[in-house]
Amino acid sequence: MARRKVRRLRDAGITIPVDYTYTDSAVDLPLLHAATHRFLIEPSARDLSRIQAALPDGTTILRAGV
């Protein structure tokens, strides 16, 4: 969760930034910041607002049926 995901990637020898990441939660903002291509899957309105405030561009929003 949160910063721990980024730390675990580094501990596994994965270089940051990673190419792609996805989440449905603003809790994962550190992970989104650590990626070149970001995907937000079915976010709640609250999480969407928070993520868009922190990452105003470059995040793809994916919703079912769209």
N, C-alpha and C. Protein backbone atom coordinates (compact mmCIF):
# COMPACT_ATOMS: atom_id res chain seq x y z
N MET A 1 0.82 -1.19 0.00
CA MET A 1 0.00 0.00 0.00
C MET A 1 0.87 1.26 0.00
N ALA A 2 0.42 2.26 -0.68
CA ALA A 2 1.06 3.58 -0.67
C ALA A 2 2.56 3.49 -0.96
N ARG A 3 3.37 4.14 -0.14
CA ARG A 3 4.82 4.18 -0.37
C ARG A 3 5.48 2.80 -0.30
N ARG A 4 4.85 1.90 0.43
CA ARG A 4 5.44 0.56 0.56
C ARG A 4 5.53 -0.14 -0.79
N LYS A 5 4.58 0.11 -1.68
CA LYS A 5 4.63 -0.52 -3.01
C LYS A 5 5.86 -0.05 -3.77
N VAL A 6 6.16 1.22 -3.70
CA VAL A 6 7.33 1.76 -4.39
C VAL A 6 8.59 1.19 -3.76
N ARG A 7 8.64 1.12 -2.46
CA ARG A 7 9.81 0.56 -1.77
C ARG A 7 9.99 -0.91 -2.14
N ARG A 8 8.90 -1.66 -2.23
CA ARG A 8 9.00 -3.07 -2.59
C ARG A 8 9.51 -3.26 -4.02
N LEU A 9 9.10 -2.37 -4.92
CA LEU A 9 9.61 -2.42 -6.28
C LEU A 9 11.12 -2.22 -6.29
N ARG A 10 11.57 -1.19 -5.58
CA ARG A 10 13.02 -0.94 -5.50
C ARG A 10 13.75 -2.11 -4.87
N ASP A 11 13.19 -2.66 -3.78
CA ASP A 11 13.81 -3.80 -3.11
C ASP A 11 13.91 -5.01 -4.03
N ALA A 12 12.99 -5.12 -4.99
CA ALA A 12 13.01 -6.22 -5.94
C ALA A 12 13.95 -5.96 -7.12
N GLY A 13 14.61 -4.79 -7.09
CA GLY A 13 15.55 -4.46 -8.15
C GLY A 13 14.94 -3.77 -9.35
N ILE A 14 13.71 -3.33 -9.21
CA ILE A 14 13.03 -2.65 -10.31
C ILE A 14 13.37 -1.17 -10.27
N THR A 15 13.80 -0.65 -11.40
CA THR A 15 14.19 0.75 -11.50
C THR A 15 12.97 1.64 -11.60
N ILE A 16 13.00 2.72 -10.83
CA ILE A 16 11.94 3.73 -10.86
C ILE A 16 12.43 4.87 -11.74
N PRO A 17 11.62 5.41 -12.64
CA PRO A 17 10.20 5.15 -12.82
C PRO A 17 9.94 3.85 -13.56
N VAL A 18 8.81 3.23 -13.23
CA VAL A 18 8.35 2.06 -13.96
C VAL A 18 7.59 2.57 -15.18
N ASP A 19 7.42 1.72 -16.16
CA ASP A 19 6.71 2.14 -17.37
C ASP A 19 5.21 2.33 -17.13
N TYR A 20 4.58 1.34 -16.50
CA TYR A 20 3.12 1.36 -16.33
C TYR A 20 2.73 1.04 -14.90
N THR A 21 1.65 1.66 -14.47
CA THR A 21 1.05 1.30 -13.19
C THR A 21 -0.44 1.54 -13.26
N TYR A 22 -1.18 0.82 -12.44
CA TYR A 22 -2.62 1.05 -12.36
C TYR A 22 -3.08 0.90 -10.93
N THR A 23 -4.17 1.56 -10.62
CA THR A 23 -4.77 1.49 -9.29
C THR A 23 -6.21 1.98 -9.37
N ASP A 24 -6.92 1.81 -8.28
CA ASP A 24 -8.26 2.38 -8.18
C ASP A 24 -8.35 3.34 -7.00
N SER A 25 -7.22 3.62 -6.36
CA SER A 25 -7.24 4.36 -5.11
C SER A 25 -6.19 5.46 -5.03
N ALA A 26 -6.58 6.57 -4.42
CA ALA A 26 -5.63 7.67 -4.20
C ALA A 26 -4.55 7.29 -3.19
N VAL A 27 -4.77 6.24 -2.43
CA VAL A 27 -3.75 5.75 -1.51
C VAL A 27 -2.47 5.42 -2.27
N ASP A 28 -2.62 5.05 -3.53
CA ASP A 28 -1.47 4.66 -4.35
C ASP A 28 -0.84 5.82 -5.12
N LEU A 29 -1.06 7.04 -4.69
CA LEU A 29 -0.43 8.18 -5.36
C LEU A 29 1.09 8.02 -5.49
N PRO A 30 1.80 7.54 -4.47
CA PRO A 30 3.24 7.35 -4.66
C PRO A 30 3.57 6.41 -5.81
N LEU A 31 2.77 5.37 -5.97
CA LEU A 31 2.98 4.44 -7.07
C LEU A 31 2.68 5.11 -8.41
N LEU A 32 1.63 5.90 -8.47
CA LEU A 32 1.32 6.63 -9.70
C LEU A 32 2.42 7.62 -10.05
N HIS A 33 2.96 8.29 -9.05
CA HIS A 33 4.06 9.23 -9.28
C HIS A 33 5.30 8.51 -9.81
N ALA A 34 5.43 7.24 -9.49
CA ALA A 34 6.63 6.47 -9.86
C ALA A 34 6.51 5.83 -11.24
N ALA A 35 5.49 6.21 -12.01
CA ALA A 35 5.27 5.59 -13.31
C ALA A 35 5.25 6.60 -14.44
N THR A 36 5.62 6.14 -15.60
CA THR A 36 5.57 6.95 -16.80
C THR A 36 4.15 6.99 -17.38
N HIS A 37 3.48 5.85 -17.37
CA HIS A 37 2.11 5.72 -17.87
C HIS A 37 1.23 5.28 -16.71
N ARG A 38 0.20 6.07 -16.43
CA ARG A 38 -0.64 5.83 -15.25
C ARG A 38 -2.08 5.53 -15.67
N PHE A 39 -2.66 4.54 -15.00
CA PHE A 39 -4.05 4.17 -15.28
C PHE A 39 -4.82 4.11 -13.97
N LEU A 40 -5.96 4.75 -13.97
CA LEU A 40 -6.85 4.76 -12.82
C LEU A 40 -8.09 3.98 -13.22
N ILE A 41 -8.36 2.88 -12.51
CA ILE A 41 -9.42 1.96 -12.87
C ILE A 41 -10.62 2.16 -11.94
N GLU A 42 -11.76 2.54 -12.52
CA GLU A 42 -13.01 2.67 -11.76
C GLU A 42 -12.84 3.43 -10.44
N PRO A 43 -12.28 4.62 -10.46
CA PRO A 43 -12.06 5.34 -9.21
C PRO A 43 -13.36 5.88 -8.63
N SER A 44 -13.39 6.02 -7.31
CA SER A 44 -14.52 6.72 -6.69
C SER A 44 -14.38 8.20 -7.03
N ALA A 45 -15.44 8.96 -6.86
CA ALA A 45 -15.38 10.40 -7.14
C ALA A 45 -14.34 11.08 -6.26
N ARG A 46 -14.27 10.67 -5.01
CA ARG A 46 -13.29 11.26 -4.08
C ARG A 46 -11.85 10.96 -4.51
N ASP A 47 -11.58 9.68 -4.84
CA ASP A 47 -10.23 9.32 -5.27
C ASP A 47 -9.87 10.01 -6.58
N LEU A 48 -10.82 10.08 -7.50
CA LEU A 48 -10.56 10.74 -8.77
C LEU A 48 -10.17 12.19 -8.56
N SER A 49 -10.89 12.90 -7.74
CA SER A 49 -10.58 14.31 -7.47
C SER A 49 -9.21 14.46 -6.85
N ARG A 50 -8.91 13.61 -5.91
CA ARG A 50 -7.60 13.69 -5.22
C ARG A 50 -6.45 13.40 -6.18
N ILE A 51 -6.62 12.39 -7.02
CA ILE A 51 -5.56 12.03 -7.95
C ILE A 51 -5.40 13.10 -9.03
N GLN A 52 -6.51 13.62 -9.55
CA GLN A 52 -6.41 14.66 -10.56
C GLN A 52 -5.78 15.93 -10.00
N ALA A 53 -5.98 16.22 -8.73
CA ALA A 53 -5.34 17.38 -8.11
C ALA A 53 -3.83 17.16 -8.00
N ALA A 54 -3.43 15.94 -7.70
CA ALA A 54 -2.00 15.64 -7.52
C ALA A 54 -1.30 15.40 -8.85
N LEU A 55 -2.02 14.86 -9.83
CA LEU A 55 -1.47 14.53 -11.15
C LEU A 55 -2.41 15.12 -12.20
N PRO A 56 -2.31 16.41 -12.47
CA PRO A 56 -3.28 17.06 -13.34
C PRO A 56 -3.30 16.56 -14.79
N ASP A 57 -2.24 15.91 -15.23
CA ASP A 57 -2.24 15.39 -16.60
C ASP A 57 -1.51 14.05 -16.62
N GLY A 58 -1.75 13.32 -17.64
CA GLY A 58 -0.99 12.09 -17.84
C GLY A 58 -1.54 10.85 -17.14
N THR A 59 -2.76 10.90 -16.62
CA THR A 59 -3.36 9.72 -16.02
C THR A 59 -4.59 9.34 -16.85
N THR A 60 -4.62 8.11 -17.31
CA THR A 60 -5.74 7.61 -18.09
C THR A 60 -6.79 7.04 -17.13
N ILE A 61 -8.02 7.50 -17.28
CA ILE A 61 -9.12 7.03 -16.44
C ILE A 61 -9.87 5.95 -17.21
N LEU A 62 -10.02 4.77 -16.64
CA LEU A 62 -10.72 3.66 -17.28
C LEU A 62 -11.97 3.31 -16.48
N ARG A 63 -13.08 3.21 -17.18
CA ARG A 63 -14.36 2.84 -16.56
C ARG A 63 -14.97 1.70 -17.36
N ALA A 64 -15.74 0.84 -16.68
CA ALA A 64 -16.38 -0.29 -17.33
C ALA A 64 -17.32 0.19 -18.44
N GLY A 65 -17.29 -0.49 -19.55
CA GLY A 65 -18.17 -0.17 -20.65
C GLY A 65 -17.79 1.06 -21.44
N VAL A 66 -16.63 1.62 -21.15
CA VAL A 66 -16.22 2.84 -21.87
C VAL A 66 -15.06 2.51 -22.77
